């Protein structure tokens, strides 16, 4: 009887070990890159365009406030890096590779940015994918932007290429106050949405600081919600 109990315990232990060994990496532990828009449009007009509150609080400060609410919690369990774009016309800059407990470093970098220039979001996302080594392992990109591609790239074409080369990369897009507003035409917004759709991600439009904090929790946070199965 004692032998049977020991054998059963050993069998259950083997099953448990096998289950753990076969369990895939949890999405909450995948490295992530935050792609941050520091183009000229982030320098003013708060959350609106031409509203009564325009230019009272720079938009980038509103974004900083939302990031400050959620990043400390997120970076306790996920390594997060940072790419910025915008200053110096179509410049893309790798600020930080995915790093543990990176909230304070990310916040200090973004806080020092002076928004200017254009919006090379396609090149920035492509760079983030390379940093994540997306062909070899899963990763998450969150593009945070209040504009559209203005440096000659095509977000939808990039999205299709990334998916064709590796379907383990997830790209989310958070669009800040872009509803009903476009510099480049409606198709440019659809192309940005396509970037997320092609890579199993969400496109979330936000209209307030609270909306942005919730969107960051949905995309970078844990458990990370996914709508891949939805039509």
C-alpha atoms as a PDB file:
ATOM      1  CA  UNK A   1       0.000   0.000   0.000  1.00  0.00           C
ATOM      2  CA  UNK A   2       2.857   2.318   0.919  1.00  0.00           C
ATOM      3  CA  UNK A   3       4.603   1.495  -2.388  1.00  0.00           C
ATOM      4  CA  UNK A   4       1.441   2.329  -4.342  1.00  0.00           C
ATOM      5  CA  UNK A   5       1.166   5.709  -2.612  1.00  0.00           C
ATOM      6  CA  UNK A   6       4.767   6.560  -3.442  1.00  0.00           C
ATOM      7  CA  UNK A   7       4.287   5.497  -7.070  1.00  0.00           C
ATOM      8  CA  UNK A   8       1.124   7.586  -7.363  1.00  0.00           C
ATOM      9  CA  UNK A   9       2.881  10.598  -5.893  1.00  0.00           C
ATOM     10  CA  UNK A  10       5.734  10.158  -8.331  1.00  0.00           C
ATOM     11  CA  UNK A  11       3.347   9.883 -11.269  1.00  0.00           C
ATOM     12  CA  UNK A  12       1.493  13.029 -10.248  1.00  0.00           C
ATOM     13  CA  UNK A  13       4.805  14.834  -9.867  1.00  0.00           C
ATOM     14  CA  UNK A  14       5.867  13.797 -13.369  1.00  0.00           C
ATOM     15  CA  UNK A  15       2.539  14.976 -14.781  1.00  0.00           C
ATOM     16  CA  UNK A  16       2.899  18.309 -13.030  1.00  0.00           C
ATOM     17  CA  UNK A  17       6.460  18.728 -14.319  1.00  0.00           C
ATOM     18  CA  UNK A  18       5.365  17.854 -17.852  1.00  0.00           C
ATOM     19  CA  UNK A  19       2.523  20.335 -17.674  1.00  0.00           C
ATOM     20  CA  UNK A  20       4.868  23.084 -16.502  1.00  0.00           C
ATOM     21  CA  UNK A  21       7.411  22.224 -19.149  1.00  0.00           C
ATOM     22  CA  UNK A  22       4.816  22.373 -21.891  1.00  0.00           C
ATOM     23  CA  UNK A  23       3.156  25.567 -20.650  1.00  0.00           C
ATOM     24  CA  UNK A  24       3.930  28.422 -23.067  1.00  0.00           C
ATOM     25  CA  UNK A  25       5.486  31.669 -21.947  1.00  0.00           C
ATOM     26  CA  UNK A  26       2.834  33.896 -20.398  1.00  0.00           C
ATOM     27  CA  UNK A  27       2.042  37.025 -22.390  1.00  0.00           C
ATOM     28  CA  UNK A  28       2.623  39.096 -19.253  1.00  0.00           C
ATOM     29  CA  UNK A  29       6.294  38.101 -19.269  1.00  0.00           C
ATOM     30  CA  UNK A  30       7.016  38.946 -22.890  1.00  0.00           C
ATOM     31  CA  UNK A  31       9.386  41.850 -23.464  1.00  0.00           C
ATOM     32  CA  UNK A  32       7.706  45.031 -24.667  1.00  0.00           C
ATOM     33  CA  UNK A  33       8.677  48.228 -26.449  1.00  0.00           C
ATOM     34  CA  UNK A  34       6.823  51.495 -25.943  1.00  0.00           C
ATOM     35  CA  UNK A  35       7.035  53.598 -29.116  1.00  0.00           C
ATOM     36  CA  UNK A  36       6.456  57.200 -28.061  1.00  0.00           C
ATOM     37  CA  UNK A  37       5.370  60.037 -30.351  1.00  0.00           C
ATOM     38  CA  UNK A  38       7.375  63.206 -29.634  1.00  0.00           C
ATOM     39  CA  UNK A  39       6.401  65.011 -32.833  1.00  0.00           C
ATOM     40  CA  UNK A  40       5.381  68.662 -32.919  1.00  0.00           C
ATOM     41  CA  UNK A  41       1.690  68.000 -32.331  1.00  0.00           C
ATOM     42  CA  UNK A  42       2.484  66.764 -28.823  1.00  0.00           C
ATOM     43  CA  UNK A  43       3.681  70.221 -27.807  1.00  0.00           C
ATOM     44  CA  UNK A  44       0.336  71.925 -27.287  1.00  0.00           C
ATOM     45  CA  UNK A  45      -3.468  71.956 -27.246  1.00  0.00           C
ATOM     46  CA  UNK A  46      -4.094  69.490 -24.432  1.00  0.00           C
ATOM     47  CA  UNK A  47      -6.643  66.868 -25.508  1.00  0.00           C
ATOM     48  CA  UNK A  48      -8.423  68.880 -28.162  1.00  0.00           C
ATOM     49  CA  UNK A  49      -7.867  70.705 -31.422  1.00  0.00           C
ATOM     50  CA  UNK A  50      -8.960  74.320 -31.311  1.00  0.00           C
ATOM     51  CA  UNK A  51     -11.021  73.892 -28.160  1.00  0.00           C
ATOM     52  CA  UNK A  52     -11.501  76.506 -25.471  1.00  0.00           C
ATOM     53  CA  UNK A  53      -8.878  74.758 -23.342  1.00  0.00           C
ATOM     54  CA  UNK A  54      -6.349  74.695 -26.178  1.00  0.00           C
ATOM     55  CA  UNK A  55      -2.729  75.327 -25.221  1.00  0.00           C
ATOM     56  CA  UNK A  56      -3.477  75.496 -21.488  1.00  0.00           C
ATOM     57  CA  UNK A  57      -1.666  72.183 -20.850  1.00  0.00           C
ATOM     58  CA  UNK A  58       0.714  70.653 -23.415  1.00  0.00           C
ATOM     59  CA  UNK A  59      -0.498  67.287 -24.622  1.00  0.00           C
ATOM     60  CA  UNK A  60       2.784  65.598 -23.741  1.00  0.00           C
ATOM     61  CA  UNK A  61       2.240  66.525 -20.078  1.00  0.00           C
ATOM     62  CA  UNK A  62      -1.165  64.841 -20.146  1.00  0.00           C
ATOM     63  CA  UNK A  63       0.474  61.729 -21.554  1.00  0.00           C
ATOM     64  CA  UNK A  64       3.204  61.844 -18.923  1.00  0.00           C
ATOM     65  CA  UNK A  65       0.572  61.952 -16.198  1.00  0.00           C
ATOM     66  CA  UNK A  66      -1.129  58.820 -17.554  1.00  0.00           C
ATOM     67  CA  UNK A  67       2.175  56.985 -17.928  1.00  0.00           C
ATOM     68  CA  UNK A  68       3.095  57.880 -14.369  1.00  0.00           C
ATOM     69  CA  UNK A  69      -0.054  56.172 -13.115  1.00  0.00           C
ATOM     70  CA  UNK A  70       0.465  52.810 -14.804  1.00  0.00           C
ATOM     71  CA  UNK A  71       4.140  52.234 -15.657  1.00  0.00           C
ATOM     72  CA  UNK A  72       5.417  51.534 -12.124  1.00  0.00           C
ATOM     73  CA  UNK A  73       2.991  48.642 -11.746  1.00  0.00           C
ATOM     74  CA  UNK A  74       3.523  47.280 -15.252  1.00  0.00           C
ATOM     75  CA  UNK A  75       7.318  47.273 -15.091  1.00  0.00           C
ATOM     76  CA  UNK A  76       7.346  45.216 -11.909  1.00  0.00           C
ATOM     77  CA  UNK A  77       6.590  42.113 -13.972  1.00  0.00           C
ATOM     78  CA  UNK A  78       7.416  43.053 -17.571  1.00  0.00           C
ATOM     79  CA  UNK A  79      10.638  44.307 -19.092  1.00  0.00           C
ATOM     80  CA  UNK A  80       9.804  47.431 -21.089  1.00  0.00           C
ATOM     81  CA  UNK A  81      11.971  49.494 -23.435  1.00  0.00           C
ATOM     82  CA  UNK A  82      11.454  52.814 -25.185  1.00  0.00           C
ATOM     83  CA  UNK A  83      11.767  54.254 -28.677  1.00  0.00           C
ATOM     84  CA  UNK A  84      10.961  57.903 -29.372  1.00  0.00           C
ATOM     85  CA  UNK A  85      10.346  59.675 -32.651  1.00  0.00           C
ATOM     86  CA  UNK A  86       9.644  63.167 -33.894  1.00  0.00           C
ATOM     87  CA  UNK A  87      12.368  65.600 -32.800  1.00  0.00           C
ATOM     88  CA  UNK A  88      14.756  66.545 -35.619  1.00  0.00           C
ATOM     89  CA  UNK A  89      12.171  66.027 -38.363  1.00  0.00           C
ATOM     90  CA  UNK A  90      11.894  62.265 -39.053  1.00  0.00           C
ATOM     91  CA  UNK A  91      14.284  61.070 -36.370  1.00  0.00           C
ATOM     92  CA  UNK A  92      13.816  57.680 -34.656  1.00  0.00           C
ATOM     93  CA  UNK A  93      15.786  57.054 -31.473  1.00  0.00           C
ATOM     94  CA  UNK A  94      16.270  53.899 -29.429  1.00  0.00           C
ATOM     95  CA  UNK A  95      16.273  55.223 -25.884  1.00  0.00           C
ATOM     96  CA  UNK A  96      16.191  52.004 -23.875  1.00  0.00           C
ATOM     97  CA  UNK A  97      16.119  48.279 -24.595  1.00  0.00           C
ATOM     98  CA  UNK A  98      13.652  46.157 -22.572  1.00  0.00           C
ATOM     99  CA  UNK A  99      14.835  46.463 -18.982  1.00  0.00           C
ATOM    100  CA  UNK A 100      13.518  45.342 -15.614  1.00  0.00           C
ATOM    101  CA  UNK A 101      11.841  47.978 -13.436  1.00  0.00           C
ATOM    102  CA  UNK A 102      12.284  50.578 -16.154  1.00  0.00           C
ATOM    103  CA  UNK A 103       9.453  52.947 -15.187  1.00  0.00           C
ATOM    104  CA  UNK A 104      11.628  55.662 -13.638  1.00  0.00           C
ATOM    105  CA  UNK A 105      14.090  55.600 -16.539  1.00  0.00           C
ATOM    106  CA  UNK A 106      11.331  55.809 -19.129  1.00  0.00           C
ATOM    107  CA  UNK A 107       9.618  58.637 -17.288  1.00  0.00           C
ATOM    108  CA  UNK A 108      12.835  60.650 -16.990  1.00  0.00           C
ATOM    109  CA  UNK A 109      13.561  60.245 -20.713  1.00  0.00           C
ATOM    110  CA  UNK A 110      10.078  61.250 -21.820  1.00  0.00           C
ATOM    111  CA  UNK A 111       9.970  64.132 -19.350  1.00  0.00           C
ATOM    112  CA  UNK A 112      13.071  65.625 -21.001  1.00  0.00           C
ATOM    113  CA  UNK A 113      11.642  65.483 -24.543  1.00  0.00           C
ATOM    114  CA  UNK A 114      10.837  68.683 -26.413  1.00  0.00           C
ATOM    115  CA  UNK A 115       8.224  67.766 -29.043  1.00  0.00           C
ATOM    116  CA  UNK A 116       9.059  68.823 -32.598  1.00  0.00           C
ATOM    117  CA  UNK A 117       9.308  67.465 -36.095  1.00  0.00           C
ATOM    118  CA  UNK A 118       7.265  64.924 -38.007  1.00  0.00           C
ATOM    119  CA  UNK A 119       5.826  61.426 -37.434  1.00  0.00           C
ATOM    120  CA  UNK A 120       7.949  58.508 -38.706  1.00  0.00           C
ATOM    121  CA  UNK A 121       5.831  55.955 -36.863  1.00  0.00           C
ATOM    122  CA  UNK A 122       6.424  53.207 -39.442  1.00  0.00           C
ATOM    123  CA  UNK A 123      10.203  53.364 -39.071  1.00  0.00           C
ATOM    124  CA  UNK A 124       9.865  53.551 -35.289  1.00  0.00           C
ATOM    125  CA  UNK A 125       7.740  50.395 -35.077  1.00  0.00           C
ATOM    126  CA  UNK A 126      10.095  48.578 -37.454  1.00  0.00           C
ATOM    127  CA  UNK A 127      13.015  49.501 -35.183  1.00  0.00           C
ATOM    128  CA  UNK A 128      11.102  48.303 -32.114  1.00  0.00           C
ATOM    129  CA  UNK A 129      10.472  44.939 -33.774  1.00  0.00           C
ATOM    130  CA  UNK A 130      14.191  44.526 -34.435  1.00  0.00           C
ATOM    131  CA  UNK A 131      15.044  45.394 -30.824  1.00  0.00           C
ATOM    132  CA  UNK A 132      12.608  42.686 -29.667  1.00  0.00           C
ATOM    133  CA  UNK A 133      14.264  40.146 -32.004  1.00  0.00           C
ATOM    134  CA  UNK A 134      10.736  39.443 -33.232  1.00  0.00           C
ATOM    135  CA  UNK A 135      11.682  36.625 -35.602  1.00  0.00           C
ATOM    136  CA  UNK A 136      13.068  34.535 -32.742  1.00  0.00           C
ATOM    137  CA  UNK A 137      10.709  35.158 -29.814  1.00  0.00           C
ATOM    138  CA  UNK A 138       7.340  36.693 -28.883  1.00  0.00           C
ATOM    139  CA  UNK A 139       7.171  40.365 -28.039  1.00  0.00           C
ATOM    140  CA  UNK A 140       4.788  43.294 -27.660  1.00  0.00           C
ATOM    141  CA  UNK A 141       4.921  46.761 -29.209  1.00  0.00           C
ATOM    142  CA  UNK A 142       2.682  49.596 -28.033  1.00  0.00           C
ATOM    143  CA  UNK A 143       2.669  52.602 -30.357  1.00  0.00           C
ATOM    144  CA  UNK A 144       1.490  55.742 -28.588  1.00  0.00           C
ATOM    145  CA  UNK A 145       0.728  58.504 -31.106  1.00  0.00           C
ATOM    146  CA  UNK A 146      -1.480  61.516 -31.686  1.00  0.00           C
ATOM    147  CA  UNK A 147      -0.810  61.656 -35.407  1.00  0.00           C
ATOM    148  CA  UNK A 148      -0.305  59.848 -38.678  1.00  0.00           C
ATOM    149  CA  UNK A 149       2.689  58.733 -40.705  1.00  0.00           C
ATOM    150  CA  UNK A 150       4.262  61.840 -42.300  1.00  0.00           C
ATOM    151  CA  UNK A 151       7.723  60.572 -43.259  1.00  0.00           C
ATOM    152  CA  UNK A 152       6.912  58.401 -46.260  1.00  0.00           C
ATOM    153  CA  UNK A 153       6.338  55.055 -44.549  1.00  0.00           C
ATOM    154  CA  UNK A 154       3.264  52.849 -44.858  1.00  0.00           C
ATOM    155  CA  UNK A 155       2.112  51.328 -41.533  1.00  0.00           C
ATOM    156  CA  UNK A 156      -0.177  48.756 -43.183  1.00  0.00           C
ATOM    157  CA  UNK A 157       2.561  47.480 -45.472  1.00  0.00           C
ATOM    158  CA  UNK A 158       4.878  47.179 -42.481  1.00  0.00           C
ATOM    159  CA  UNK A 159       2.191  45.352 -40.524  1.00  0.00           C
ATOM    160  CA  UNK A 160       1.790  42.776 -43.274  1.00  0.00           C
ATOM    161  CA  UNK A 161       5.554  42.292 -43.551  1.00  0.00           C
ATOM    162  CA  UNK A 162       6.021  41.822 -39.816  1.00  0.00           C
ATOM    163  CA  UNK A 163       3.220  39.259 -39.709  1.00  0.00           C
ATOM    164  CA  UNK A 164       4.623  37.381 -42.699  1.00  0.00           C
ATOM    165  CA  UNK A 165       8.066  37.165 -41.110  1.00  0.00           C
ATOM    166  CA  UNK A 166       6.891  36.206 -37.611  1.00  0.00           C
ATOM    167  CA  UNK A 167       3.355  35.822 -36.297  1.00  0.00           C
ATOM    168  CA  UNK A 168       4.487  35.913 -32.652  1.00  0.00           C
ATOM    169  CA  UNK A 169       4.771  39.697 -32.515  1.00  0.00           C
ATOM    170  CA  UNK A 170       1.831  41.718 -31.172  1.00  0.00           C
ATOM    171  CA  UNK A 171       1.481  45.383 -32.149  1.00  0.00           C
ATOM    172  CA  UNK A 172      -0.998  47.642 -30.378  1.00  0.00           C
ATOM    173  CA  UNK A 173      -1.746  51.239 -31.373  1.00  0.00           C
ATOM    174  CA  UNK A 174      -3.106  53.876 -29.004  1.00  0.00           C
ATOM    175  CA  UNK A 175      -4.397  56.874 -30.939  1.00  0.00           C
ATOM    176  CA  UNK A 176      -4.573  60.041 -28.840  1.00  0.00           C
ATOM    177  CA  UNK A 177      -7.489  62.299 -29.766  1.00  0.00           C
ATOM    178  CA  UNK A 178      -7.472  61.365 -33.449  1.00  0.00           C
ATOM    179  CA  UNK A 179     -11.247  60.824 -33.788  1.00  0.00           C
ATOM    180  CA  UNK A 180     -12.558  62.913 -36.665  1.00  0.00           C
ATOM    181  CA  UNK A 181      -9.207  64.602 -37.181  1.00  0.00           C
ATOM    182  CA  UNK A 182      -6.581  63.902 -39.832  1.00  0.00           C
ATOM    183  CA  UNK A 183      -3.761  65.774 -41.547  1.00  0.00           C
ATOM    184  CA  UNK A 184      -3.105  63.193 -44.260  1.00  0.00           C
ATOM    185  CA  UNK A 185      -6.594  61.884 -45.001  1.00  0.00           C
ATOM    186  CA  UNK A 186      -8.799  59.092 -43.713  1.00  0.00           C
ATOM    187  CA  UNK A 187      -6.714  56.389 -45.399  1.00  0.00           C
ATOM    188  CA  UNK A 188      -3.702  57.259 -43.249  1.00  0.00           C
ATOM    189  CA  UNK A 189      -5.696  56.482 -40.112  1.00  0.00           C
ATOM    190  CA  UNK A 190      -6.922  53.213 -41.628  1.00  0.00           C
ATOM    191  CA  UNK A 191      -3.330  52.289 -42.461  1.00  0.00           C
ATOM    192  CA  UNK A 192      -2.338  52.812 -38.817  1.00  0.00           C
ATOM    193  CA  UNK A 193      -5.231  50.641 -37.654  1.00  0.00           C
ATOM    194  CA  UNK A 194      -4.124  48.014 -40.173  1.00  0.00           C
ATOM    195  CA  UNK A 195      -0.711  47.864 -38.484  1.00  0.00           C
ATOM    196  CA  UNK A 196      -2.376  46.609 -35.307  1.00  0.00           C
ATOM    197  CA  UNK A 197      -4.880  44.352 -37.044  1.00  0.00           C
ATOM    198  CA  UNK A 198      -2.186  42.567 -39.040  1.00  0.00           C
ATOM    199  CA  UNK A 199      -0.287  41.717 -35.861  1.00  0.00           C
ATOM    200  CA  UNK A 200      -2.998  40.538 -33.490  1.00  0.00           C
ATOM    201  CA  UNK A 201      -3.183  43.834 -31.655  1.00  0.00           C
ATOM    202  CA  UNK A 202      -5.717  46.429 -30.597  1.00  0.00           C
ATOM    203  CA  UNK A 203      -6.296  49.892 -32.012  1.00  0.00           C
ATOM    204  CA  UNK A 204      -7.618  52.044 -29.183  1.00  0.00           C
ATOM    205  CA  UNK A 205      -8.663  55.665 -29.599  1.00  0.00           C
ATOM    206  CA  UNK A 206      -8.455  57.712 -26.408  1.00  0.00           C
ATOM    207  CA  UNK A 207     -10.076  61.051 -25.619  1.00  0.00           C
ATOM    208  CA  UNK A 208      -8.841  61.729 -22.074  1.00  0.00           C
ATOM    209  CA  UNK A 209      -6.071  61.055 -19.588  1.00  0.00           C
ATOM    210  CA  UNK A 210      -8.192  58.380 -17.930  1.00  0.00           C
ATOM    211  CA  UNK A 211      -8.855  56.715 -21.300  1.00  0.00           C
ATOM    212  CA  UNK A 212      -5.118  56.641 -21.965  1.00  0.00           C
ATOM    213  CA  UNK A 213      -4.289  55.071 -18.608  1.00  0.00           C
ATOM    214  CA  UNK A 214      -6.870  52.342 -19.223  1.00  0.00           C
ATOM    215  CA  UNK A 215      -5.549  51.742 -22.757  1.00  0.00           C
ATOM    216  CA  UNK A 216      -2.011  51.343 -21.444  1.00  0.00           C
ATOM    217  CA  UNK A 217      -3.251  48.819 -18.885  1.00  0.00           C
ATOM    218  CA  UNK A 218      -5.054  46.877 -21.626  1.00  0.00           C
ATOM    219  CA  UNK A 219      -2.021  46.693 -23.881  1.00  0.00           C
ATOM    220  CA  UNK A 220       1.024  46.662 -21.606  1.00  0.00           C
ATOM    221  CA  UNK A 221      -0.694  45.497 -18.447  1.00  0.00           C
ATOM    222  CA  UNK A 222      -1.458  42.022 -17.088  1.00  0.00           C
ATOM    223  CA  UNK A 223      -3.555  40.123 -17.810  1.00  0.00           C
ATOM    224  CA  UNK A 224      -3.215  41.566 -21.280  1.00  0.00           C
ATOM    225  CA  UNK A 225      -6.589  41.545 -22.990  1.00  0.00           C
ATOM    226  CA  UNK A 226      -6.746  40.367 -26.562  1.00  0.00           C
ATOM    227  CA  UNK A 227      -9.530  40.614 -29.127  1.00  0.00           C
ATOM    228  CA  UNK A 228      -7.929  38.367 -31.730  1.00  0.00           C
ATOM    229  CA  UNK A 229     -10.898  36.011 -31.674  1.00  0.00           C
ATOM    230  CA  UNK A 230     -13.427  38.764 -32.226  1.00  0.00           C
ATOM    231  CA  UNK A 231     -14.691  39.572 -35.724  1.00  0.00           C
END
